[in-house]
Amino acid sequence: MGRYYRISKKLTEDESREVQREMREIADVEDVSIKEDERMLFVVTKDGQFSDVMSRAVNICSRVANGAELSFTRFAEA
């Protein structure tokens, strides 16, 4: 099961690539992509636990995309 998170601002292509690259380096991340016009982060974890992964994701997005914030939107089947 995956989750969608809304990104508070549209990312540039470079920001999007960097966020995805850094997210893929997190051991518990099975899949990550940015969709819907660079404004939606989709994450699947290997063990279904999101708190540690998303804590790091918030920091990554804020740093890479100059203060971009994440908010949970919905669940999705992976």
Protein backbone atom coordinates (compact mmCIF):
# COMPACT_ATOMS: atom_id res chain seq x y z
CA MET A 1 0.00 0.00 0.00
CA GLY A 2 1.28 3.42 -0.89
CA ARG A 3 0.44 6.92 0.18
CA TYR A 4 0.10 10.22 -1.62
CA TYR A 5 1.36 13.47 -0.12
CA ARG A 6 0.61 16.92 -1.53
CA ILE A 7 3.65 19.14 -2.02
CA SER A 8 2.96 22.74 -1.01
CA LYS A 9 4.48 24.15 -4.18
CA LYS A 10 5.26 22.98 -7.68
CA LEU A 11 8.77 21.56 -7.91
CA THR A 12 11.14 22.24 -10.76
CA GLU A 13 12.30 19.23 -12.75
CA ASP A 14 15.69 19.40 -11.02
CA GLU A 15 14.10 19.57 -7.56
CA SER A 16 11.82 16.67 -8.42
CA ARG A 17 14.72 14.50 -9.59
CA GLU A 18 16.77 15.32 -6.50
CA VAL A 19 13.93 14.62 -4.06
CA GLN A 20 13.28 11.26 -5.73
CA ARG A 21 16.99 10.39 -5.77
CA GLU A 22 17.41 11.14 -2.07
CA MET A 23 14.19 9.32 -1.16
CA ARG A 24 15.36 6.20 -3.00
CA GLU A 25 18.45 6.17 -0.77
CA ILE A 26 16.26 5.59 2.31
CA ALA A 27 16.47 1.89 3.15
CA ASP A 28 12.74 1.42 3.83
CA VAL A 29 11.56 3.06 0.60
CA GLU A 30 10.32 0.56 -1.98
CA ASP A 31 9.06 3.09 -4.54
CA VAL A 32 8.80 6.85 -4.88
CA SER A 33 7.57 9.13 -7.64
CA ILE A 34 6.38 12.69 -8.07
CA LYS A 35 3.18 13.03 -10.06
CA GLU A 36 0.39 15.43 -11.00
CA ASP A 37 2.41 18.30 -12.38
CA GLU A 38 5.24 18.00 -9.80
CA ARG A 39 2.85 18.57 -6.86
CA MET A 40 2.16 15.06 -5.53
CA LEU A 41 4.63 12.69 -3.87
CA PHE A 42 3.79 8.98 -4.03
CA VAL A 43 5.62 6.72 -1.56
CA VAL A 44 5.60 2.96 -0.94
CA THR A 45 7.56 1.55 1.97
CA LYS A 46 8.91 -1.98 2.26
CA ASP A 47 7.34 -2.64 5.65
CA GLY A 48 4.25 -0.43 5.52
CA GLN A 49 5.67 1.91 8.18
CA PHE A 50 5.74 5.53 7.10
CA SER A 51 6.67 7.63 10.13
CA ASP A 52 10.47 7.40 9.81
CA VAL A 53 10.42 7.59 6.02
CA MET A 54 8.13 10.59 5.93
CA SER A 55 10.05 12.37 8.65
CA ARG A 56 13.07 12.23 6.38
CA ALA A 57 10.95 13.10 3.32
CA VAL A 58 9.74 16.30 4.98
CA ASN A 59 13.34 17.33 5.61
CA ILE A 60 14.43 16.41 2.07
CA CYS A 61 11.62 18.38 0.43
CA SER A 62 12.16 21.40 2.64
CA ARG A 63 15.90 21.48 1.95
CA VAL A 64 15.86 20.63 -1.76
CA ALA A 65 12.80 22.69 -2.69
CA ASN A 66 13.33 25.77 -0.53
CA GLY A 67 10.77 25.16 2.20
CA ALA A 68 8.30 22.93 0.37
CA GLU A 69 6.00 21.16 2.82
CA LEU A 70 4.18 17.82 2.61
CA SER A 71 0.69 16.92 3.74
CA PHE A 72 -0.97 13.51 3.63
CA THR A 73 -3.62 13.26 0.92
CA ARG A 74 -4.75 9.65 0.50
CA PHE A 75 -3.89 5.97 0.53
CA ALA A 76 -3.32 4.05 -2.70
CA GLU A 77 -2.79 0.45 -3.66
CA ALA A 78 0.77 -0.11 -4.87
